Amino acid sequence: MDERKAHNQLWYQQTPESLLIAFDVDSELGLPDHEVDRRRQQYGDNAIEQPRGRSFILIFAQQFQSLLILILM
Protein backbone atom coordinates (compact mmCIF):
# COMPACT_ATOMS: atom_id res chain seq x y z
CA MET A 1 0.00 0.00 0.00
CA ASP A 2 1.30 3.44 -0.89
CA GLU A 3 2.24 5.46 2.21
CA ARG A 4 0.35 8.55 1.00
CA LYS A 5 -2.72 6.40 0.43
CA ALA A 6 -2.39 4.97 3.95
CA HIS A 7 -2.49 8.47 5.45
CA ASN A 8 -5.68 9.30 3.54
CA GLN A 9 -7.55 6.25 4.84
CA LEU A 10 -9.14 5.93 8.24
CA TRP A 11 -7.21 3.67 10.63
CA TYR A 12 -9.87 0.95 10.59
CA GLN A 13 -9.73 0.77 6.80
CA GLN A 14 -6.02 -0.03 6.76
CA THR A 15 -4.33 -3.39 7.01
CA PRO A 16 -2.53 -4.26 10.26
CA GLU A 17 0.79 -4.32 8.41
CA SER A 18 0.34 -0.79 7.06
CA LEU A 19 -0.58 0.45 10.54
CA LEU A 20 2.55 -1.12 12.03
CA ILE A 21 4.61 0.71 9.43
CA ALA A 22 2.73 4.01 9.88
CA PHE A 23 3.16 3.95 13.68
CA ASP A 24 6.71 2.57 13.48
CA VAL A 25 5.95 -0.47 15.67
CA ASP A 26 7.51 -3.94 15.59
CA SER A 27 4.78 -6.60 15.68
CA GLU A 28 6.92 -8.97 17.77
CA LEU A 29 8.63 -6.55 20.18
CA GLY A 30 6.34 -3.52 20.32
CA LEU A 31 7.93 -0.15 20.94
CA PRO A 32 11.42 0.36 22.37
CA ASP A 33 11.46 1.92 25.86
CA HIS A 34 12.87 5.24 24.64
CA GLU A 35 10.06 5.50 22.07
CA VAL A 36 7.44 4.75 24.74
CA ASP A 37 8.87 7.55 26.90
CA ARG A 38 8.93 9.98 23.97
CA ARG A 39 5.33 9.22 23.00
CA ARG A 40 4.18 9.47 26.61
CA GLN A 41 5.72 12.92 26.84
CA GLN A 42 4.15 13.92 23.53
CA TYR A 43 0.66 12.42 23.96
CA GLY A 44 0.35 11.79 27.70
CA ASP A 45 -0.52 8.60 29.54
CA ASN A 46 -2.99 6.17 28.04
CA ALA A 47 -5.53 6.73 30.81
CA ILE A 48 -9.05 8.01 31.19
CA GLU A 49 -9.55 10.69 33.82
CA GLN A 50 -11.96 9.69 36.54
CA PRO A 51 -14.69 12.26 37.12
CA ARG A 52 -14.55 13.96 40.49
CA GLY A 53 -17.18 12.82 42.92
CA ARG A 54 -19.59 15.21 44.60
CA SER A 55 -18.78 16.11 48.18
CA PHE A 56 -21.00 15.03 51.06
CA ILE A 57 -21.90 18.65 51.84
CA LEU A 58 -22.99 19.31 48.26
CA ILE A 59 -25.13 16.17 48.17
CA PHE A 60 -26.70 17.12 51.52
CA ALA A 61 -27.42 20.70 50.39
CA GLN A 62 -28.99 19.55 47.13
CA GLN A 63 -31.60 17.60 49.11
CA PHE A 64 -33.18 20.92 50.08
CA GLN A 65 -33.57 22.30 46.55
CA SER A 66 -36.93 20.63 46.05
CA LEU A 67 -39.96 22.80 46.87
CA LEU A 68 -41.82 19.76 48.18
CA ILE A 69 -39.05 19.01 50.67
CA LEU A 70 -39.05 22.63 51.83
CA ILE A 71 -42.85 22.51 52.34
CA LEU A 72 -42.61 19.26 54.31
CA MET A 73 -40.01 20.77 56.64
C-alpha atoms as a PDB file:
ATOM      1  CA  MET A   1       0.000   0.000   0.000  1.00  0.00           C
ATOM      2  CA  ASP A   2       1.299   3.440  -0.892  1.00  0.00           C
ATOM      3  CA  GLU A   3       2.235   5.464   2.214  1.00  0.00           C
ATOM      4  CA  ARG A   4       0.353   8.549   1.005  1.00  0.00           C
ATOM      5  CA  LYS A   5      -2.718   6.405   0.429  1.00  0.00           C
ATOM      6  CA  ALA A   6      -2.386   4.968   3.952  1.00  0.00           C
ATOM      7  CA  HIS A   7      -2.486   8.469   5.454  1.00  0.00           C
ATOM      8  CA  ASN A   8      -5.676   9.298   3.541  1.00  0.00           C
ATOM      9  CA  GLN A   9      -7.549   6.250   4.836  1.00  0.00           C
ATOM     10  CA  LEU A  10      -9.140   5.929   8.241  1.00  0.00           C
ATOM     11  CA  TRP A  11      -7.212   3.673  10.627  1.00  0.00           C
ATOM     12  CA  TYR A  12      -9.874   0.946  10.591  1.00  0.00           C
ATOM     13  CA  GLN A  13      -9.730   0.770   6.798  1.00  0.00           C
ATOM     14  CA  GLN A  14      -6.024  -0.033   6.761  1.00  0.00           C
ATOM     15  CA  THR A  15      -4.325  -3.390   7.014  1.00  0.00           C
ATOM     16  CA  PRO A  16      -2.532  -4.258  10.263  1.00  0.00           C
ATOM     17  CA  GLU A  17       0.788  -4.319   8.409  1.00  0.00           C
ATOM     18  CA  SER A  18       0.337  -0.786   7.064  1.00  0.00           C
ATOM     19  CA  LEU A  19      -0.582   0.449  10.545  1.00  0.00           C
ATOM     20  CA  LEU A  20       2.548  -1.119  12.027  1.00  0.00           C
ATOM     21  CA  ILE A  21       4.612   0.714   9.432  1.00  0.00           C
ATOM     22  CA  ALA A  22       2.727   4.006   9.884  1.00  0.00           C
ATOM     23  CA  PHE A  23       3.159   3.948  13.678  1.00  0.00           C
ATOM     24  CA  ASP A  24       6.712   2.565  13.480  1.00  0.00           C
ATOM     25  CA  VAL A  25       5.948  -0.466  15.674  1.00  0.00           C
ATOM     26  CA  ASP A  26       7.513  -3.941  15.591  1.00  0.00           C
ATOM     27  CA  SER A  27       4.780  -6.598  15.678  1.00  0.00           C
ATOM     28  CA  GLU A  28       6.916  -8.965  17.770  1.00  0.00           C
ATOM     29  CA  LEU A  29       8.631  -6.554  20.177  1.00  0.00           C
ATOM     30  CA  GLY A  30       6.336  -3.522  20.317  1.00  0.00           C
ATOM     31  CA  LEU A  31       7.931  -0.149  20.942  1.00  0.00           C
ATOM     32  CA  PRO A  32      11.420   0.364  22.371  1.00  0.00           C
ATOM     33  CA  ASP A  33      11.461   1.921  25.860  1.00  0.00           C
ATOM     34  CA  HIS A  34      12.866   5.243  24.639  1.00  0.00           C
ATOM     35  CA  GLU A  35      10.059   5.503  22.071  1.00  0.00           C
ATOM     36  CA  VAL A  36       7.445   4.746  24.741  1.00  0.00           C
ATOM     37  CA  ASP A  37       8.874   7.551  26.900  1.00  0.00           C
ATOM     38  CA  ARG A  38       8.932   9.979  23.970  1.00  0.00           C
ATOM     39  CA  ARG A  39       5.331   9.222  22.999  1.00  0.00           C
ATOM     40  CA  ARG A  40       4.175   9.467  26.613  1.00  0.00           C
ATOM     41  CA  GLN A  41       5.724  12.916  26.839  1.00  0.00           C
ATOM     42  CA  GLN A  42       4.153  13.917  23.533  1.00  0.00           C
ATOM     43  CA  TYR A  43       0.659  12.417  23.958  1.00  0.00           C
ATOM     44  CA  GLY A  44       0.348  11.791  27.702  1.00  0.00           C
ATOM     45  CA  ASP A  45      -0.524   8.600  29.543  1.00  0.00           C
ATOM     46  CA  ASN A  46      -2.990   6.170  28.041  1.00  0.00           C
ATOM     47  CA  ALA A  47      -5.525   6.728  30.808  1.00  0.00           C
ATOM     48  CA  ILE A  48      -9.048   8.014  31.192  1.00  0.00           C
ATOM     49  CA  GLU A  49      -9.551  10.687  33.822  1.00  0.00           C
ATOM     50  CA  GLN A  50     -11.963   9.692  36.541  1.00  0.00           C
ATOM     51  CA  PRO A  51     -14.691  12.263  37.120  1.00  0.00           C
ATOM     52  CA  ARG A  52     -14.549  13.960  40.493  1.00  0.00           C
ATOM     53  CA  GLY A  53     -17.182  12.818  42.919  1.00  0.00           C
ATOM     54  CA  ARG A  54     -19.587  15.207  44.598  1.00  0.00           C
ATOM     55  CA  SER A  55     -18.780  16.111  48.178  1.00  0.00           C
ATOM     56  CA  PHE A  56     -21.001  15.025  51.059  1.00  0.00           C
ATOM     57  CA  ILE A  57     -21.898  18.649  51.843  1.00  0.00           C
ATOM     58  CA  LEU A  58     -22.987  19.314  48.256  1.00  0.00           C
ATOM     59  CA  ILE A  59     -25.132  16.168  48.171  1.00  0.00           C
ATOM     60  CA  PHE A  60     -26.701  17.119  51.518  1.00  0.00           C
ATOM     61  CA  ALA A  61     -27.416  20.700  50.394  1.00  0.00           C
ATOM     62  CA  GLN A  62     -28.994  19.550  47.128  1.00  0.00           C
ATOM     63  CA  GLN A  63     -31.598  17.598  49.113  1.00  0.00           C
ATOM     64  CA  PHE A  64     -33.176  20.922  50.085  1.00  0.00           C
ATOM     65  CA  GLN A  65     -33.568  22.296  46.552  1.00  0.00           C
ATOM     66  CA  SER A  66     -36.929  20.632  46.048  1.00  0.00           C
ATOM     67  CA  LEU A  67     -39.959  22.799  46.866  1.00  0.00           C
ATOM     68  CA  LEU A  68     -41.823  19.759  48.182  1.00  0.00           C
ATOM     69  CA  ILE A  69     -39.048  19.014  50.668  1.00  0.00           C
ATOM     70  CA  LEU A  70     -39.053  22.628  51.834  1.00  0.00           C
ATOM     71  CA  ILE A  71     -42.852  22.509  52.345  1.00  0.00           C
ATOM     72  CA  LEU A  72     -42.610  19.262  54.312  1.00  0.00           C
ATOM     73  CA  MET A  73     -40.013  20.770  56.636  1.00  0.00           C
END
